[in-house]
Amino acid sequence: MEKFSMVLEEDSTREEFMETMEELGFELVEEQESTGETVPYVSRWESPDKNAHIQYLEEPRLGVNFVIFEAPNFTQFDQTLAEKLFWYGIDELYEDAEQATTHNEGVNALFRLTAGICTANHLPPQAEHIYSEYLAQDHWMTRRAAVQAVAYGRWPESVEILERVATQDPDERVRDFASLQLSNVKQDLLERGIFT
């Protein structure tokens, strides 16, 4: 079963997504409203044959709307989705994060990249390099955003990165935030049987 995520461009709407799912014959099986700054809006959809599952998320922690696909063969939906919805290609996500020139551009690009790779079982090496670059930036808020991105992914590699930041970052605010996120990531990985 393939599982991957796609980050929708900013002008894509929830309504457009829902219309597209209905056109594809998907059934809305669950909808969860956002409950503030930490819980996303989520709608879960299922194909008529029950083999494909799609989640649409409006994630306030990242400021990003994205879709998680789980299907044995995604190509059957690819054309219809491409005609109806606009999303960032994975190369574009990496490039935007690498080429950002301002704090806000960088953080937004980093969060989009995180949403685009969040279904990976392990942190991709190219993304790890980008996170390392952001964690080495001068401004503490940029480093804090990178901590948030690394923690959001909940990859096994997140633990080592967060441990390093929690003990070595020059700013106490970043170290404290990394320690808090580290605890959450370890607990999540433990519950999933990935971390012992």
N, C-alpha and C. Protein backbone atom coordinates (compact mmCIF):
# COMPACT_ATOMS: atom_id res chain seq x y z
N MET A 1 0.85 -1.18 0.00
CA MET A 1 0.00 0.00 0.00
C MET A 1 0.90 1.24 0.00
N GLU A 2 0.73 2.10 -0.97
CA GLU A 2 1.47 3.35 -1.03
C GLU A 2 0.88 4.34 -0.03
N LYS A 3 1.75 5.09 0.61
CA LYS A 3 1.30 6.14 1.51
C LYS A 3 2.21 7.35 1.31
N PHE A 4 1.62 8.46 0.99
CA PHE A 4 2.41 9.67 0.81
C PHE A 4 1.52 10.89 0.97
N SER A 5 2.14 12.05 1.10
CA SER A 5 1.38 13.28 1.29
C SER A 5 1.70 14.27 0.18
N MET A 6 0.75 15.15 -0.05
CA MET A 6 0.91 16.20 -1.05
C MET A 6 0.41 17.51 -0.44
N VAL A 7 1.22 18.55 -0.58
CA VAL A 7 0.89 19.85 -0.01
C VAL A 7 0.13 20.66 -1.05
N LEU A 8 -1.04 21.11 -0.66
CA LEU A 8 -1.86 21.90 -1.57
C LEU A 8 -1.37 23.34 -1.62
N GLU A 9 -1.47 23.94 -2.78
CA GLU A 9 -1.12 25.35 -2.90
C GLU A 9 -2.13 26.18 -2.12
N GLU A 10 -1.72 27.38 -1.74
CA GLU A 10 -2.50 28.21 -0.85
C GLU A 10 -3.90 28.54 -1.36
N ASP A 11 -4.08 28.60 -2.68
CA ASP A 11 -5.39 28.98 -3.20
C ASP A 11 -6.33 27.78 -3.38
N SER A 12 -5.90 26.58 -3.04
CA SER A 12 -6.79 25.42 -3.07
C SER A 12 -7.69 25.47 -1.83
N THR A 13 -8.97 25.19 -2.02
CA THR A 13 -9.91 25.30 -0.91
C THR A 13 -10.43 23.93 -0.47
N ARG A 14 -10.95 23.91 0.71
CA ARG A 14 -11.58 22.69 1.24
C ARG A 14 -12.74 22.27 0.35
N GLU A 15 -13.52 23.25 -0.09
CA GLU A 15 -14.68 22.96 -0.93
C GLU A 15 -14.25 22.29 -2.25
N GLU A 16 -13.19 22.80 -2.87
CA GLU A 16 -12.69 22.20 -4.11
C GLU A 16 -12.26 20.76 -3.87
N PHE A 17 -11.58 20.55 -2.76
CA PHE A 17 -11.13 19.20 -2.43
C PHE A 17 -12.32 18.26 -2.26
N MET A 18 -13.32 18.71 -1.50
CA MET A 18 -14.49 17.87 -1.24
C MET A 18 -15.24 17.55 -2.54
N GLU A 19 -15.37 18.55 -3.41
CA GLU A 19 -16.03 18.31 -4.70
C GLU A 19 -15.26 17.27 -5.52
N THR A 20 -13.94 17.37 -5.51
CA THR A 20 -13.11 16.43 -6.25
C THR A 20 -13.28 15.01 -5.71
N MET A 21 -13.30 14.87 -4.40
CA MET A 21 -13.48 13.54 -3.81
C MET A 21 -14.83 12.95 -4.20
N GLU A 22 -15.86 13.78 -4.18
CA GLU A 22 -17.19 13.30 -4.55
C GLU A 22 -17.22 12.89 -6.02
N GLU A 23 -16.55 13.66 -6.89
CA GLU A 23 -16.48 13.31 -8.32
C GLU A 23 -15.79 11.97 -8.52
N LEU A 24 -14.79 11.67 -7.68
CA LEU A 24 -14.08 10.40 -7.78
C LEU A 24 -14.86 9.25 -7.15
N GLY A 25 -15.99 9.57 -6.53
CA GLY A 25 -16.81 8.53 -5.91
C GLY A 25 -16.40 8.21 -4.49
N PHE A 26 -15.50 9.01 -3.90
CA PHE A 26 -15.08 8.77 -2.53
C PHE A 26 -16.20 9.18 -1.58
N GLU A 27 -16.26 8.47 -0.46
CA GLU A 27 -17.27 8.77 0.55
C GLU A 27 -16.59 9.41 1.76
N LEU A 28 -17.17 10.48 2.26
CA LEU A 28 -16.68 11.11 3.47
C LEU A 28 -17.07 10.22 4.64
N VAL A 29 -16.07 9.67 5.35
CA VAL A 29 -16.36 8.74 6.45
C VAL A 29 -16.17 9.36 7.82
N GLU A 30 -15.43 10.46 7.87
CA GLU A 30 -15.22 11.12 9.16
C GLU A 30 -14.77 12.55 8.93
N GLU A 31 -15.24 13.42 9.80
CA GLU A 31 -14.83 14.82 9.73
C GLU A 31 -14.61 15.32 11.15
N GLN A 32 -13.47 15.95 11.35
CA GLN A 32 -13.12 16.47 12.68
C GLN A 32 -12.77 17.94 12.54
N GLU A 33 -13.50 18.77 13.23
CA GLU A 33 -13.24 20.21 13.19
C GLU A 33 -11.98 20.54 13.98
N SER A 34 -11.32 21.59 13.59
CA SER A 34 -10.15 22.07 14.32
C SER A 34 -10.59 22.59 15.67
N THR A 35 -9.77 22.35 16.68
CA THR A 35 -10.10 22.84 18.02
C THR A 35 -9.01 23.76 18.53
N GLY A 36 -8.56 24.65 17.69
CA GLY A 36 -7.57 25.62 18.13
C GLY A 36 -6.28 25.53 17.36
N GLU A 37 -5.21 25.92 18.04
CA GLU A 37 -3.92 26.04 17.38
C GLU A 37 -3.12 24.75 17.27
N THR A 38 -3.60 23.67 17.88
CA THR A 38 -2.82 22.43 17.86
C THR A 38 -3.55 21.24 17.23
N VAL A 39 -4.84 21.35 17.02
CA VAL A 39 -5.59 20.23 16.45
C VAL A 39 -6.11 20.63 15.08
N PRO A 40 -5.71 19.88 14.04
CA PRO A 40 -6.11 20.25 12.68
C PRO A 40 -7.55 19.88 12.35
N TYR A 41 -8.10 20.56 11.34
CA TYR A 41 -9.32 20.08 10.70
C TYR A 41 -8.89 18.87 9.87
N VAL A 42 -9.68 17.79 9.95
CA VAL A 42 -9.37 16.58 9.18
C VAL A 42 -10.66 16.03 8.59
N SER A 43 -10.62 15.70 7.31
CA SER A 43 -11.71 14.91 6.72
C SER A 43 -11.08 13.65 6.15
N ARG A 44 -11.75 12.52 6.39
CA ARG A 44 -11.26 11.23 5.93
C ARG A 44 -12.22 10.67 4.89
N TRP A 45 -11.65 10.19 3.81
CA TRP A 45 -12.43 9.73 2.67
C TRP A 45 -12.04 8.30 2.32
N GLU A 46 -12.99 7.55 1.76
CA GLU A 46 -12.74 6.17 1.39
C GLU A 46 -13.29 5.92 -0.01
N SER A 47 -12.53 5.17 -0.81
CA SER A 47 -12.95 4.85 -2.17
C SER A 47 -14.12 3.87 -2.13
N PRO A 48 -14.88 3.78 -3.23
CA PRO A 48 -16.02 2.85 -3.25
C PRO A 48 -15.63 1.40 -2.95
N ASP A 49 -14.43 0.99 -3.38
CA ASP A 49 -14.00 -0.38 -3.12
C ASP A 49 -13.31 -0.54 -1.76
N LYS A 50 -13.24 0.55 -1.00
CA LYS A 50 -12.65 0.56 0.36
C LYS A 50 -11.15 0.33 0.38
N ASN A 51 -10.48 0.35 -0.79
CA ASN A 51 -9.04 0.10 -0.86
C ASN A 51 -8.20 1.37 -0.75
N ALA A 52 -8.77 2.50 -1.05
CA ALA A 52 -8.01 3.75 -1.01
C ALA A 52 -8.58 4.67 0.07
N HIS A 53 -7.68 5.29 0.82
CA HIS A 53 -8.07 6.19 1.90
C HIS A 53 -7.32 7.51 1.72
N ILE A 54 -8.05 8.58 1.88
CA ILE A 54 -7.46 9.91 1.72
C ILE A 54 -7.87 10.77 2.90
N GLN A 55 -6.88 11.46 3.47
CA GLN A 55 -7.15 12.42 4.54
C GLN A 55 -6.80 13.82 4.04
N TYR A 56 -7.67 14.75 4.29
CA TYR A 56 -7.41 16.16 4.00
C TYR A 56 -7.20 16.85 5.34
N LEU A 57 -6.09 17.57 5.49
CA LEU A 57 -5.78 18.24 6.75
C LEU A 57 -5.54 19.73 6.54
N GLU A 58 -6.11 20.52 7.42
CA GLU A 58 -5.77 21.94 7.54
C GLU A 58 -5.01 22.05 8.86
N GLU A 59 -3.69 22.09 8.76
CA GLU A 59 -2.82 21.93 9.93
C GLU A 59 -2.38 23.29 10.47
N PRO A 60 -2.95 23.73 11.60
CA PRO A 60 -2.58 25.04 12.14
C PRO A 60 -1.15 25.11 12.67
N ARG A 61 -0.58 23.98 13.09
CA ARG A 61 0.80 24.00 13.59
C ARG A 61 1.81 24.31 12.50
N LEU A 62 1.43 24.01 11.26
CA LEU A 62 2.33 24.27 10.13
C LEU A 62 1.82 25.38 9.22
N GLY A 63 0.56 25.76 9.38
CA GLY A 63 -0.02 26.76 8.49
C GLY A 63 -0.15 26.24 7.07
N VAL A 64 -0.43 24.95 6.93
CA VAL A 64 -0.41 24.27 5.63
C VAL A 64 -1.65 23.37 5.51
N ASN A 65 -2.20 23.30 4.30
CA ASN A 65 -3.23 22.32 3.99
C ASN A 65 -2.58 21.23 3.15
N PHE A 66 -2.80 19.99 3.53
CA PHE A 66 -2.20 18.90 2.76
C PHE A 66 -3.08 17.66 2.81
N VAL A 67 -2.72 16.70 1.96
CA VAL A 67 -3.51 15.49 1.78
C VAL A 67 -2.60 14.29 1.98
N ILE A 68 -3.09 13.31 2.70
CA ILE A 68 -2.36 12.04 2.87
C ILE A 68 -3.14 10.97 2.12
N PHE A 69 -2.44 10.29 1.21
CA PHE A 69 -3.03 9.24 0.40
C PHE A 69 -2.53 7.89 0.87
N GLU A 70 -3.43 6.93 0.93
CA GLU A 70 -3.08 5.54 1.19
C GLU A 70 -3.85 4.70 0.19
N ALA A 71 -3.14 4.12 -0.76
CA ALA A 71 -3.81 3.35 -1.81
C ALA A 71 -2.84 2.33 -2.39
N PRO A 72 -3.36 1.19 -2.86
CA PRO A 72 -2.48 0.20 -3.49
C PRO A 72 -1.89 0.73 -4.80
N ASN A 73 -2.62 1.60 -5.47
CA ASN A 73 -2.16 2.15 -6.74
C ASN A 73 -2.74 3.56 -6.89
N PHE A 74 -1.91 4.55 -6.71
CA PHE A 74 -2.39 5.93 -6.74
C PHE A 74 -2.68 6.42 -8.15
N THR A 75 -2.09 5.84 -9.17
CA THR A 75 -2.20 6.39 -10.52
C THR A 75 -3.64 6.47 -11.02
N GLN A 76 -4.54 5.64 -10.49
CA GLN A 76 -5.93 5.69 -10.93
C GLN A 76 -6.60 7.02 -10.58
N PHE A 77 -6.11 7.74 -9.57
CA PHE A 77 -6.71 9.01 -9.17
C PHE A 77 -5.89 10.21 -9.64
N ASP A 78 -4.66 9.94 -10.03
CA ASP A 78 -3.70 10.99 -10.30
C ASP A 78 -4.20 12.03 -11.30
N GLN A 79 -4.73 11.61 -12.43
CA GLN A 79 -5.14 12.53 -13.48
C GLN A 79 -6.28 13.43 -13.02
N THR A 80 -7.30 12.86 -12.40
CA THR A 80 -8.43 13.66 -11.94
C THR A 80 -7.99 14.67 -10.90
N LEU A 81 -7.16 14.24 -9.97
CA LEU A 81 -6.68 15.17 -8.94
C LEU A 81 -5.84 16.27 -9.56
N ALA A 82 -5.00 15.92 -10.51
CA ALA A 82 -4.14 16.92 -11.15
C ALA A 82 -4.96 17.96 -11.90
N GLU A 83 -6.09 17.55 -12.45
CA GLU A 83 -6.95 18.49 -13.17
C GLU A 83 -7.70 19.43 -12.24
N LYS A 84 -7.98 18.98 -11.03
CA LYS A 84 -8.85 19.74 -10.12
C LYS A 84 -8.11 20.51 -9.03
N LEU A 85 -6.99 19.96 -8.58
CA LEU A 85 -6.30 20.55 -7.43
C LEU A 85 -4.87 20.94 -7.81
N PHE A 86 -4.35 21.91 -7.11
CA PHE A 86 -2.98 22.34 -7.35
C PHE A 86 -2.15 22.07 -6.11
N TRP A 87 -1.01 21.41 -6.29
CA TRP A 87 -0.15 21.12 -5.16
C TRP A 87 1.30 21.34 -5.56
N TYR A 88 2.14 21.37 -4.55
CA TYR A 88 3.58 21.52 -4.75
C TYR A 88 4.19 20.17 -5.09
N GLY A 89 5.06 20.14 -6.08
CA GLY A 89 5.83 18.94 -6.35
C GLY A 89 6.91 18.80 -5.29
N ILE A 90 7.38 17.61 -5.04
CA ILE A 90 8.37 17.38 -3.99
C ILE A 90 9.66 18.13 -4.27
N ASP A 91 10.09 18.19 -5.52
CA ASP A 91 11.30 18.95 -5.85
C ASP A 91 11.13 20.43 -5.54
N GLU A 92 9.94 20.94 -5.80
CA GLU A 92 9.65 22.34 -5.51
C GLU A 92 9.70 22.61 -4.01
N LEU A 93 9.21 21.68 -3.21
CA LEU A 93 9.24 21.84 -1.75
C LEU A 93 10.68 21.93 -1.25
N TYR A 94 11.54 21.05 -1.75
CA TYR A 94 12.95 21.09 -1.36
C TYR A 94 13.61 22.38 -1.82
N GLU A 95 13.36 22.74 -3.06
CA GLU A 95 13.98 23.93 -3.63
C GLU A 95 13.56 25.19 -2.88
N ASP A 96 12.27 25.31 -2.56
CA ASP A 96 11.79 26.49 -1.82
C ASP A 96 12.48 26.60 -0.46
N ALA A 97 12.63 25.47 0.22
CA ALA A 97 13.27 25.49 1.54
C ALA A 97 14.75 25.84 1.44
N GLU A 98 15.39 25.39 0.38
CA GLU A 98 16.83 25.65 0.20
C GLU A 98 17.10 27.08 -0.24
N GLN A 99 16.17 27.69 -0.97
CA GLN A 99 16.44 28.99 -1.57
C GLN A 99 15.76 30.16 -0.87
N ALA A 100 15.06 29.92 0.21
CA ALA A 100 14.39 31.01 0.91
C ALA A 100 15.42 32.04 1.39
N THR A 101 15.03 33.31 1.31
CA THR A 101 15.97 34.37 1.68
C THR A 101 15.57 35.14 2.93
N THR A 102 14.32 35.01 3.37
CA THR A 102 13.89 35.71 4.58
C THR A 102 13.41 34.69 5.62
N HIS A 103 13.31 35.14 6.85
CA HIS A 103 12.83 34.27 7.93
C HIS A 103 11.46 33.70 7.58
N ASN A 104 10.51 34.57 7.23
CA ASN A 104 9.14 34.10 6.95
C ASN A 104 9.09 33.16 5.75
N GLU A 105 9.78 33.50 4.69
CA GLU A 105 9.84 32.62 3.52
C GLU A 105 10.38 31.25 3.93
N GLY A 106 11.46 31.28 4.69
CA GLY A 106 12.10 30.04 5.10
C GLY A 106 11.22 29.17 5.97
N VAL A 107 10.59 29.78 6.96
CA VAL A 107 9.74 29.01 7.86
C VAL A 107 8.55 28.43 7.10
N ASN A 108 7.92 29.24 6.25
CA ASN A 108 6.79 28.73 5.48
C ASN A 108 7.22 27.58 4.57
N ALA A 109 8.36 27.73 3.91
CA ALA A 109 8.87 26.68 3.03
C ALA A 109 9.22 25.42 3.83
N LEU A 110 9.83 25.61 4.99
CA LEU A 110 10.20 24.48 5.84
C LEU A 110 8.96 23.71 6.30
N PHE A 111 7.93 24.44 6.68
CA PHE A 111 6.69 23.78 7.12
C PHE A 111 5.99 23.06 5.96
N ARG A 112 6.02 23.65 4.77
CA ARG A 112 5.45 22.95 3.60
C ARG A 112 6.22 21.66 3.33
N LEU A 113 7.56 21.75 3.39
CA LEU A 113 8.38 20.56 3.17
C LEU A 113 8.04 19.48 4.21
N THR A 114 7.90 19.88 5.44
CA THR A 114 7.57 18.93 6.51
C THR A 114 6.27 18.21 6.22
N ALA A 115 5.25 18.95 5.80
CA ALA A 115 3.96 18.32 5.46
C ALA A 115 4.13 17.38 4.27
N GLY A 116 4.99 17.75 3.34
CA GLY A 116 5.19 16.95 2.14
C GLY A 116 5.93 15.65 2.36
N ILE A 117 6.67 15.55 3.46
CA ILE A 117 7.43 14.33 3.73
C ILE A 117 7.01 13.63 5.02
N CYS A 118 5.94 14.10 5.64
CA CYS A 118 5.58 13.58 6.97
C CYS A 118 5.18 12.12 6.98
N THR A 119 4.85 11.55 5.83
CA THR A 119 4.47 10.13 5.81
C THR A 119 5.66 9.20 5.62
N ALA A 120 6.85 9.76 5.40
CA ALA A 120 8.05 8.93 5.24
C ALA A 120 8.36 8.21 6.56
N ASN A 121 8.80 6.96 6.46
CA ASN A 121 9.16 6.20 7.66
C ASN A 121 10.42 6.74 8.33
N HIS A 122 11.29 7.34 7.51
CA HIS A 122 12.53 7.92 8.01
C HIS A 122 12.72 9.28 7.39
N LEU A 123 13.44 10.12 8.08
CA LEU A 123 13.74 11.46 7.59
C LEU A 123 14.64 11.35 6.36
N PRO A 124 14.18 11.82 5.20
CA PRO A 124 15.03 11.76 4.01
C PRO A 124 16.32 12.56 4.20
N PRO A 125 17.46 12.05 3.72
CA PRO A 125 18.74 12.74 3.91
C PRO A 125 18.75 14.20 3.42
N GLN A 126 18.10 14.46 2.30
CA GLN A 126 18.07 15.83 1.80
C GLN A 126 17.32 16.74 2.77
N ALA A 127 16.25 16.26 3.34
CA ALA A 127 15.50 17.04 4.32
C ALA A 127 16.31 17.22 5.60
N GLU A 128 17.00 16.17 6.02
CA GLU A 128 17.83 16.27 7.23
C GLU A 128 18.89 17.36 7.05
N HIS A 129 19.48 17.43 5.86
CA HIS A 129 20.46 18.49 5.57
C HIS A 129 19.81 19.87 5.67
N ILE A 130 18.63 20.02 5.12
CA ILE A 130 17.93 21.31 5.17
C ILE A 130 17.59 21.68 6.60
N TYR A 131 17.07 20.73 7.38
CA TYR A 131 16.78 21.01 8.79
C TYR A 131 18.04 21.44 9.53
N SER A 132 19.15 20.77 9.26
CA SER A 132 20.43 21.13 9.90
C SER A 132 20.82 22.56 9.57
N GLU A 133 20.61 22.95 8.32
CA GLU A 133 20.92 24.34 7.92
C GLU A 133 20.06 25.32 8.70
N TYR A 134 18.79 25.04 8.85
CA TYR A 134 17.90 25.94 9.58
C TYR A 134 18.24 25.96 11.07
N LEU A 135 18.65 24.82 11.60
CA LEU A 135 19.02 24.75 13.03
C LEU A 135 20.33 25.47 13.31
N ALA A 136 21.07 25.81 12.27
CA ALA A 136 22.32 26.55 12.44
C ALA A 136 22.16 28.05 12.16
N GLN A 137 20.96 28.49 11.85
CA GLN A 137 20.72 29.91 11.57
C GLN A 137 20.97 30.76 12.82
N ASP A 138 21.25 32.02 12.60
CA ASP A 138 21.52 32.94 13.71
C ASP A 138 20.27 33.25 14.54
N HIS A 139 19.14 33.44 13.88
CA HIS A 139 17.94 33.89 14.60
C HIS A 139 17.29 32.73 15.35
N TRP A 140 17.06 32.94 16.64
CA TRP A 140 16.52 31.87 17.47
C TRP A 140 15.13 31.42 17.01
N MET A 141 14.33 32.33 16.44
CA MET A 141 12.99 31.94 16.00
C MET A 141 13.04 31.00 14.79
N THR A 142 14.04 31.17 13.95
CA THR A 142 14.21 30.25 12.82
C THR A 142 14.59 28.86 13.34
N ARG A 143 15.49 28.82 14.31
CA ARG A 143 15.88 27.53 14.88
C ARG A 143 14.70 26.87 15.60
N ARG A 144 13.90 27.67 16.30
CA ARG A 144 12.71 27.13 16.97
C ARG A 144 11.74 26.54 15.96
N ALA A 145 11.53 27.22 14.83
CA ALA A 145 10.65 26.71 13.78
C ALA A 145 11.18 25.39 13.23
N ALA A 146 12.49 25.29 13.09
CA ALA A 146 13.09 24.03 12.60
C ALA A 146 12.86 22.91 13.62
N VAL A 147 12.94 23.22 14.89
CA VAL A 147 12.64 22.23 15.94
C VAL A 147 11.19 21.77 15.79
N GLN A 148 10.29 22.71 15.59
CA GLN A 148 8.88 22.37 15.43
C GLN A 148 8.67 21.45 14.23
N ALA A 149 9.36 21.74 13.12
CA ALA A 149 9.24 20.93 11.92
C ALA A 149 9.78 19.52 12.15
N VAL A 150 10.96 19.41 12.75
CA VAL A 150 11.56 18.11 13.02
C VAL A 150 10.65 17.29 13.94
N ALA A 151 10.09 17.94 14.94
CA ALA A 151 9.22 17.24 15.89
C ALA A 151 7.92 16.80 15.22
N TYR A 152 7.40 17.62 14.34
CA TYR A 152 6.14 17.28 13.67
C TYR A 152 6.26 15.99 12.88
N GLY A 153 7.40 15.80 12.22
CA GLY A 153 7.60 14.61 11.40
C GLY A 153 7.61 13.31 12.19
N ARG A 154 8.03 13.37 13.45
CA ARG A 154 8.04 12.18 14.31
C ARG A 154 8.78 11.00 13.68
N TRP A 155 9.90 11.30 13.04
CA TRP A 155 10.73 10.24 12.47
C TRP A 155 11.67 9.73 13.57
N PRO A 156 12.17 8.51 13.46
CA PRO A 156 13.16 8.05 14.45
C PRO A 156 14.36 8.99 14.54
N GLU A 157 14.76 9.58 13.41
CA GLU A 157 15.90 10.50 13.40
C GLU A 157 15.61 11.80 14.15
N SER A 158 14.34 12.10 14.37
CA SER A 158 13.96 13.32 15.10
C SER A 158 14.55 13.32 16.50
N VAL A 159 14.63 12.14 17.11
CA VAL A 159 15.10 12.05 18.50
C VAL A 159 16.53 12.58 18.62
N GLU A 160 17.42 12.08 17.80
CA GLU A 160 18.83 12.51 17.88
C GLU A 160 18.96 14.02 17.62
N ILE A 161 18.25 14.50 16.63
CA ILE A 161 18.31 15.93 16.30
C ILE A 161 17.82 16.76 17.47
N LEU A 162 16.68 16.39 18.04
CA LEU A 162 16.11 17.16 19.15
C LEU A 162 16.97 17.06 20.40
N GLU A 163 17.58 15.90 20.64
CA GLU A 163 18.49 15.77 21.79
C GLU A 163 19.67 16.74 21.65
N ARG A 164 20.20 16.82 20.45
CA ARG A 164 21.33 17.72 20.21
C ARG A 164 20.92 19.18 20.44
N VAL A 165 19.79 19.58 19.90
CA VAL A 165 19.33 20.96 20.05
C VAL A 165 19.02 21.26 21.52
N ALA A 166 18.39 20.31 22.21
CA ALA A 166 18.01 20.51 23.61
C ALA A 166 19.21 20.73 24.52
N THR A 167 20.38 20.25 24.11
CA THR A 167 21.57 20.42 24.95
C THR A 167 22.58 21.42 24.39
N GLN A 168 22.51 21.71 23.09
CA GLN A 168 23.57 22.51 22.49
C GLN A 168 23.15 23.85 21.91
N ASP A 169 21.86 24.10 21.73
CA ASP A 169 21.47 25.38 21.14
C ASP A 169 21.88 26.52 22.07
N PRO A 170 22.35 27.63 21.53
CA PRO A 170 22.81 28.73 22.38
C PRO A 170 21.69 29.49 23.10
N ASP A 171 20.44 29.29 22.70
CA ASP A 171 19.33 30.04 23.29
C ASP A 171 18.48 29.12 24.16
N GLU A 172 18.26 29.54 25.40
CA GLU A 172 17.50 28.73 26.34
C GLU A 172 16.08 28.47 25.85
N ARG A 173 15.46 29.44 25.17
CA ARG A 173 14.09 29.25 24.66
C ARG A 173 14.03 28.11 23.66
N VAL A 174 15.04 28.02 22.82
CA VAL A 174 15.08 26.94 21.81
C VAL A 174 15.37 25.61 22.50
N ARG A 175 16.32 25.61 23.45
CA ARG A 175 16.65 24.37 24.17
C ARG A 175 15.41 23.84 24.91
N ASP A 176 14.69 24.73 25.59
CA ASP A 176 13.51 24.32 26.33
C ASP A 176 12.42 23.76 25.40
N PHE A 177 12.23 24.44 24.27
CA PHE A 177 11.22 23.98 23.30
C PHE A 177 11.63 22.62 22.73
N ALA A 178 12.90 22.46 22.43
CA ALA A 178 13.39 21.17 21.91
C ALA A 178 13.21 20.06 22.94
N SER A 179 13.45 20.35 24.22
CA SER A 179 13.25 19.35 25.28
C SER A 179 11.80 18.91 25.37
N LEU A 180 10.90 19.87 25.29
CA LEU A 180 9.47 19.57 25.33
C LEU A 180 9.08 18.72 24.13
N GLN A 181 9.52 19.12 22.95
CA GLN A 181 9.18 18.38 21.73
C GLN A 181 9.81 16.98 21.75
N LEU A 182 11.02 16.88 22.28
CA LEU A 182 11.70 15.60 22.37
C LEU A 182 10.88 14.62 23.20
N SER A 183 10.37 15.07 24.31
CA SER A 183 9.55 14.23 25.17
C SER A 183 8.30 13.74 24.42
N ASN A 184 7.66 14.64 23.69
CA ASN A 184 6.46 14.27 22.92
C ASN A 184 6.79 13.28 21.81
N VAL A 185 7.88 13.51 21.11
CA VAL A 185 8.28 12.62 20.01
C VAL A 185 8.62 11.23 20.55
N LYS A 186 9.40 11.18 21.63
CA LYS A 186 9.75 9.88 22.21
C LYS A 186 8.50 9.11 22.62
N GLN A 187 7.55 9.79 23.25
CA GLN A 187 6.31 9.14 23.67
C GLN A 187 5.55 8.59 22.47
N ASP A 188 5.45 9.40 21.41
CA ASP A 188 4.74 8.97 20.21
C ASP A 188 5.43 7.75 19.58
N LEU A 189 6.74 7.80 19.45
CA LEU A 189 7.49 6.69 18.85
C LEU A 189 7.38 5.44 19.71
N LEU A 190 7.39 5.61 21.03
CA LEU A 190 7.24 4.49 21.96
C LEU A 190 5.86 3.84 21.77
N GLU A 191 4.82 4.66 21.68
CA GLU A 191 3.47 4.13 21.50
C GLU A 191 3.32 3.41 20.17
N ARG A 192 4.07 3.82 19.17
CA ARG A 192 4.02 3.19 17.86
C ARG A 192 4.98 2.01 17.76
N GLY A 193 5.72 1.71 18.84
CA GLY A 193 6.65 0.59 18.86
C GLY A 193 7.93 0.83 18.08
N ILE A 194 8.26 2.10 17.83
CA ILE A 194 9.44 2.43 17.04
C ILE A 194 10.63 2.77 17.93
N PHE A 195 10.36 3.28 19.12
CA PHE A 195 11.40 3.73 20.03
C PHE A 195 11.29 2.97 21.33
N THR A 196 12.42 2.49 21.86
CA THR A 196 12.37 1.75 23.12
C THR A 196 13.18 2.43 24.19
